[in-house]
Amino acid sequence: MTMGMYIKHLREEMKLSQEELGKRLNPPVNRAAVNKWETGQVENIKRNHIQQLAKIFGVSPCELMCFDDRFDSPKIAEETKALELVQKHFGKEAVQMLHMFQELNKAGKTKALEDLDDLTQLPKYTEMEDWKKESKNA
């Protein structure tokens, strides 16, 4: 993955437009400049912008510049495709849950699954209950 692709990936994760990202920098840059970074038309991004971008995204400058083997392009592409499929079929909330679930340790994951199991036993929190309410209002 190129640095530009990674900038785009991180920007989209934060739900920022190219213009919004550019305005957060000092000195600010326009949407076209951010677009050129993301598409690889400009590879020599100013050092101060790299540092600011890394801070905005919560990553190290080395990570942003793709000097970290953990950010292998095929792996990220595969994970991105999987998350897009999850979102398409189950919604943004499912993707959000996966991100949160991934941050938990083993005990936290066990507890989260137990709590979800409990919630699915309560009609108030199930899709069937929502369906009943909708059909009454129709």
Protein backbone atom coordinates (compact mmCIF):
# COMPACT_ATOMS: atom_id res chain seq x y z
CA MET A 1 0.00 0.00 0.00
CA THR A 2 1.33 3.41 -0.91
CA MET A 3 1.35 6.31 1.51
CA GLY A 4 -1.35 7.98 -0.58
CA MET A 5 -3.60 4.94 -0.41
CA TYR A 6 -3.06 4.76 3.34
CA ILE A 7 -3.88 8.46 3.79
CA LYS A 8 -7.12 7.92 1.85
CA HIS A 9 -7.95 4.82 3.92
CA LEU A 10 -7.37 6.66 7.22
CA ARG A 11 -9.24 9.77 6.04
CA GLU A 12 -12.26 7.71 5.02
CA GLU A 13 -12.19 5.82 8.34
CA MET A 14 -12.46 9.20 10.08
CA LYS A 15 -15.27 10.18 7.68
CA LEU A 16 -13.41 13.32 6.59
CA SER A 17 -13.63 14.85 3.14
CA GLN A 18 -10.41 15.79 1.37
CA GLU A 19 -11.29 19.43 1.97
CA GLU A 20 -11.87 18.89 5.71
CA LEU A 21 -8.55 17.09 6.08
CA GLY A 22 -6.72 19.85 4.22
CA LYS A 23 -8.20 22.52 6.49
CA ARG A 24 -6.91 20.71 9.60
CA LEU A 25 -3.32 21.18 8.47
CA ASN A 26 -1.11 24.18 9.22
CA PRO A 27 -0.57 25.68 6.77
CA PRO A 28 -3.83 24.38 5.31
CA VAL A 29 -3.93 22.76 1.88
CA ASN A 30 -6.81 22.59 -0.59
CA ARG A 31 -8.80 19.53 -1.65
CA ALA A 32 -6.77 19.18 -4.85
CA ALA A 33 -3.52 18.83 -2.89
CA VAL A 34 -4.96 16.07 -0.69
CA ASN A 35 -6.29 14.37 -3.82
CA LYS A 36 -2.82 14.48 -5.41
CA TRP A 37 -1.30 12.88 -2.28
CA GLU A 38 -3.92 10.13 -2.28
CA THR A 39 -3.57 9.35 -5.98
CA GLY A 40 0.23 9.40 -5.90
CA GLN A 41 0.58 12.42 -8.19
CA VAL A 42 2.66 14.06 -5.44
CA GLU A 43 4.97 11.80 -3.47
CA ASN A 44 7.10 14.37 -1.66
CA ILE A 45 4.72 15.55 1.03
CA LYS A 46 6.22 18.19 3.31
CA ARG A 47 7.63 16.77 6.54
CA ASN A 48 5.47 19.03 8.73
CA HIS A 49 2.35 17.83 6.88
CA ILE A 50 3.37 14.18 7.39
CA GLN A 51 3.77 14.84 11.11
CA GLN A 52 0.42 16.61 11.32
CA LEU A 53 -1.36 13.92 9.29
CA ALA A 54 0.08 11.23 11.55
CA LYS A 55 -1.18 13.10 14.60
CA ILE A 56 -4.66 13.60 13.09
CA PHE A 57 -4.89 9.88 12.24
CA GLY A 58 -3.37 8.69 15.52
CA VAL A 59 -0.49 6.83 13.86
CA SER A 60 3.27 7.31 13.79
CA PRO A 61 4.88 9.13 10.86
CA CYS A 62 6.71 5.86 10.03
CA GLU A 63 3.42 4.00 9.88
CA LEU A 64 1.90 6.72 7.71
CA MET A 65 4.83 6.47 5.30
CA CYS A 66 4.26 2.69 5.15
CA PHE A 67 7.58 1.74 6.73
CA ASP A 68 5.76 -0.88 8.81
CA ASP A 69 5.33 -4.42 7.48
CA ARG A 70 2.04 -4.80 9.37
CA PHE A 71 0.42 -2.64 6.71
CA ASP A 72 0.75 -5.07 3.84
CA SER A 73 -1.37 -3.99 0.88
CA PRO A 74 -3.02 -7.35 0.08
CA LYS A 75 -3.94 -7.86 3.74
CA ILE A 76 -5.49 -4.39 4.08
CA ALA A 77 -7.32 -4.80 0.77
CA GLU A 78 -8.74 -8.13 1.96
CA GLU A 79 -9.80 -6.68 5.33
CA THR A 80 -11.34 -3.63 3.67
CA LYS A 81 -13.32 -5.84 1.28
CA ALA A 82 -14.54 -7.99 4.19
CA LEU A 83 -15.65 -4.93 6.18
CA GLU A 84 -17.44 -3.52 3.14
CA LEU A 85 -19.36 -6.80 2.79
CA VAL A 86 -20.25 -6.77 6.50
CA GLN A 87 -21.48 -3.18 6.18
CA LYS A 88 -23.48 -3.98 3.04
CA HIS A 89 -25.26 -6.93 4.66
CA PHE A 90 -25.46 -5.91 8.32
CA GLY A 91 -24.99 -2.12 8.43
CA LYS A 92 -22.46 0.32 9.87
CA GLU A 93 -23.27 -0.77 13.42
CA ALA A 94 -21.92 -4.26 12.69
CA VAL A 95 -18.63 -2.82 11.44
CA GLN A 96 -18.45 -0.60 14.52
CA MET A 97 -19.05 -3.63 16.74
CA LEU A 98 -16.27 -5.56 15.00
CA HIS A 99 -13.82 -2.70 15.54
CA MET A 100 -14.74 -2.50 19.24
CA PHE A 101 -14.69 -6.29 19.63
CA GLN A 102 -11.20 -6.43 18.14
CA GLU A 103 -9.90 -4.11 20.89
CA LEU A 104 -11.07 -6.43 23.68
CA ASN A 105 -8.93 -9.05 25.39
CA LYS A 106 -10.14 -12.65 25.67
CA ALA A 107 -12.13 -12.00 28.88
CA GLY A 108 -13.72 -8.90 27.34
CA LYS A 109 -14.72 -10.82 24.21
CA THR A 110 -16.29 -13.55 26.32
CA LYS A 111 -18.24 -10.97 28.35
CA ALA A 112 -19.38 -9.14 25.21
CA LEU A 113 -20.70 -12.37 23.69
CA GLU A 114 -22.52 -13.23 26.93
CA ASP A 115 -24.13 -9.79 27.03
CA LEU A 116 -25.18 -10.04 23.37
CA ASP A 117 -26.65 -13.46 24.03
CA ASP A 118 -28.64 -12.02 26.95
CA LEU A 119 -29.95 -9.16 24.78
CA THR A 120 -31.11 -11.52 22.05
CA GLN A 121 -33.28 -13.31 24.61
CA LEU A 122 -35.22 -10.12 25.37
CA PRO A 123 -38.00 -9.36 22.84
CA LYS A 124 -37.58 -5.63 23.49
CA TYR A 125 -34.17 -5.74 21.76
CA THR A 126 -34.81 -8.09 18.83
CA GLU A 127 -35.71 -7.42 15.20
CA MET A 128 -38.96 -9.39 15.62
CA GLU A 129 -40.15 -6.86 18.22
CA ASP A 130 -39.35 -3.99 15.83
CA TRP A 131 -41.25 -5.77 13.05
CA LYS A 132 -44.32 -6.15 15.27
CA LYS A 133 -44.29 -2.42 16.10
CA GLU A 134 -43.99 -1.48 12.42
CA SER A 135 -46.89 -3.71 11.37
CA LYS A 136 -49.14 -2.21 14.10
CA ASN A 137 -48.39 1.32 12.86
CA ALA A 138 -49.04 0.46 9.20
